[in-house]
Structures are given as structure tokens and as C-alpha cells.
Amino acid sequence: MHESQLARKLVATLEAAVKERSAKSVKSVKVRLGGVHWIDSEAFRELFALFSQGTTCEGAELFVEEAQPKAKCLQCGTNFVPHDHDPACPRCGSSEIEIDAEPDLQILEISLLMPSLQ
């Protein structure tokens, strides 16, 4: 399950950011899910909550944007959004397509809880 790998990677990246900046915890994170793996954002959210338990990410608010891949048929030139179960061109049926997709996971914004200065 690709969502599991991405959720684990996000938690690890956030944990490193907390440590690097001497923060207390992660308040929120905004990510964009893309790529050609047709990531299930709901499963990703659930796995992030699971893997963040007991870490500095536990309880962090997760904001998810989804970026659909785009495709172009190399036979007829039609531009379309490919479907995970049938990425063929909806116009001519060709499977000779070129897919343009963003990375699977992009961290757009992180909000950290910093220790209070006394």
C-alpha cells in the first residue's frame, strides 16, 4: 500500500523538522498528494494518524490537497485525466499516453509548536 509508505515518510520528515528546529511538536501540516499512484487521501489520513501516535506529530492537523495527473494521448493528441483502472485515451482508446504528474507527496506548509521563552 503506497499510502502507508507516504504516511511513514511524512511522519519521519516532520519528526526531523521538530528536532532540527528544537520545537515541541507539530501543530499542523499541509501536503499535496499527486503522482500516478492514485493515492487514497482518506487512507493516507488514517495512516498518518496511526503512525503519528506517540510522536511529536500526534494530534497534528493534516490538510490535504489532491493533484490529479494529466495525460496526453500520443495517437490523437487528446488531453485528459487518466483513471487508475483504465488509463487509456477516452477518445480513441489508445494506451500510448504520456502522463504528467506531480510528486506523490509534497509538504507545502508546516506549523510547529515552539517552546515558550521564559
Protein backbone atom coordinates (compact mmCIF):
# COMPACT_ATOMS: atom_id res chain seq x y z
CA MET A 1 0.00 0.00 0.00
CA HIS A 2 1.63 3.20 -1.23
CA GLU A 3 -0.31 5.35 1.26
CA SER A 4 1.46 3.58 4.12
CA GLN A 5 4.92 4.41 2.78
CA LEU A 6 3.96 8.05 2.23
CA ALA A 7 2.43 8.43 5.69
CA ARG A 8 5.53 6.93 7.33
CA LYS A 9 7.76 9.21 5.26
CA LEU A 10 5.73 12.26 6.29
CA VAL A 11 5.93 11.40 10.00
CA ALA A 12 9.70 10.85 9.74
CA THR A 13 10.19 14.14 7.89
CA LEU A 14 8.11 16.04 10.45
CA GLU A 15 9.94 14.42 13.35
CA ALA A 16 13.24 15.56 11.80
CA ALA A 17 11.88 19.11 11.39
CA VAL A 18 10.83 19.23 15.05
CA LYS A 19 14.26 18.05 16.18
CA GLU A 20 16.15 20.36 13.79
CA ARG A 21 14.23 23.43 14.97
CA SER A 22 14.12 22.44 18.66
CA ALA A 23 10.33 22.59 18.56
CA LYS A 24 7.94 20.83 20.93
CA SER A 25 5.59 19.32 18.37
CA VAL A 26 3.82 19.69 15.03
CA LYS A 27 0.62 21.75 15.17
CA SER A 28 -0.38 21.28 11.54
CA VAL A 29 0.91 20.23 8.17
CA LYS A 30 -0.38 20.91 4.67
CA VAL A 31 0.51 18.43 1.94
CA ARG A 32 -0.27 17.83 -1.71
CA LEU A 33 -0.79 14.26 -2.89
CA GLY A 34 -0.16 13.65 -6.56
CA GLY A 35 1.73 11.25 -8.74
CA VAL A 36 0.45 8.43 -10.86
CA HIS A 37 -0.30 6.05 -7.98
CA TRP A 38 -3.85 7.32 -7.39
CA ILE A 39 -3.35 7.78 -3.68
CA ASP A 40 -6.40 7.31 -1.47
CA SER A 41 -6.36 10.51 0.59
CA GLU A 42 -8.69 9.10 3.26
CA ALA A 43 -6.45 6.06 3.78
CA PHE A 44 -3.44 8.40 3.88
CA ARG A 45 -5.11 10.49 6.62
CA GLU A 46 -5.92 7.41 8.70
CA LEU A 47 -2.40 6.03 8.35
CA PHE A 48 -0.84 9.39 9.24
CA ALA A 49 -2.94 9.45 12.43
CA LEU A 50 -1.90 5.87 13.22
CA PHE A 51 1.84 6.33 12.55
CA SER A 52 1.99 9.66 14.37
CA GLN A 53 0.78 8.14 17.66
CA GLY A 54 3.43 8.58 20.33
CA THR A 55 5.44 11.02 18.20
CA THR A 56 5.72 14.80 18.12
CA CYS A 57 3.21 14.68 15.24
CA GLU A 58 0.43 13.12 17.30
CA GLY A 59 -2.68 15.28 17.15
CA ALA A 60 -1.33 17.45 14.34
CA GLU A 61 -3.96 18.80 11.97
CA LEU A 62 -3.45 17.42 8.47
CA PHE A 63 -4.57 19.41 5.44
CA VAL A 64 -4.52 17.51 2.15
CA GLU A 65 -4.68 18.87 -1.39
CA GLU A 66 -5.01 16.43 -4.25
CA ALA A 67 -3.36 16.97 -7.62
CA GLN A 68 -4.79 14.84 -10.40
CA PRO A 69 -2.34 13.54 -13.00
CA LYS A 70 -2.82 14.77 -16.55
CA ALA A 71 -2.36 12.72 -19.66
CA LYS A 72 -1.98 13.29 -23.37
CA CYS A 73 -2.72 10.66 -25.97
CA LEU A 74 0.24 10.18 -28.28
CA GLN A 75 -2.08 8.92 -31.04
CA CYS A 76 -4.82 11.55 -31.26
CA GLY A 77 -3.49 14.36 -29.02
CA THR A 78 -6.42 14.35 -26.57
CA ASN A 79 -5.65 15.77 -23.11
CA PHE A 80 -7.44 14.00 -20.24
CA VAL A 81 -7.26 12.90 -16.62
CA PRO A 82 -6.27 9.22 -16.63
CA HIS A 83 -8.16 6.75 -14.46
CA ASP A 84 -6.29 4.26 -12.31
CA HIS A 85 -8.06 1.19 -13.67
CA ASP A 86 -8.14 2.28 -17.31
CA PRO A 87 -5.52 4.88 -18.25
CA ALA A 88 -6.36 4.56 -21.97
CA CYS A 89 -7.40 7.55 -24.04
CA PRO A 90 -11.14 8.14 -23.68
CA ARG A 91 -11.37 9.37 -27.28
CA CYS A 92 -9.51 6.75 -29.32
CA GLY A 93 -8.80 4.01 -26.74
CA SER A 94 -5.03 4.09 -27.26
CA SER A 95 -2.84 3.11 -24.34
CA GLU A 96 0.05 5.10 -25.80
CA ILE A 97 -0.19 8.04 -23.45
CA GLU A 98 2.17 10.47 -21.78
CA ILE A 99 1.39 11.21 -18.14
CA ASP A 100 2.36 14.45 -16.41
CA ALA A 101 2.08 14.16 -12.66
CA GLU A 102 3.34 15.98 -9.59
CA PRO A 103 5.40 14.12 -6.98
CA ASP A 104 3.47 11.63 -4.83
CA LEU A 105 3.92 13.74 -1.69
CA GLN A 106 4.81 17.40 -1.33
CA ILE A 107 4.94 19.17 2.02
CA LEU A 108 3.56 22.65 1.44
CA GLU A 109 3.49 24.05 4.96
CA ILE A 110 4.44 23.01 8.49
CA SER A 111 3.33 24.75 11.67
CA LEU A 112 5.39 23.87 14.74
CA LEU A 113 4.74 24.48 18.41
CA MET A 114 7.84 26.15 19.80
CA PRO A 115 8.88 26.09 23.46
CA SER A 116 7.89 29.19 25.36
CA LEU A 117 10.64 31.63 26.22
CA GLN A 118 10.82 32.39 29.92
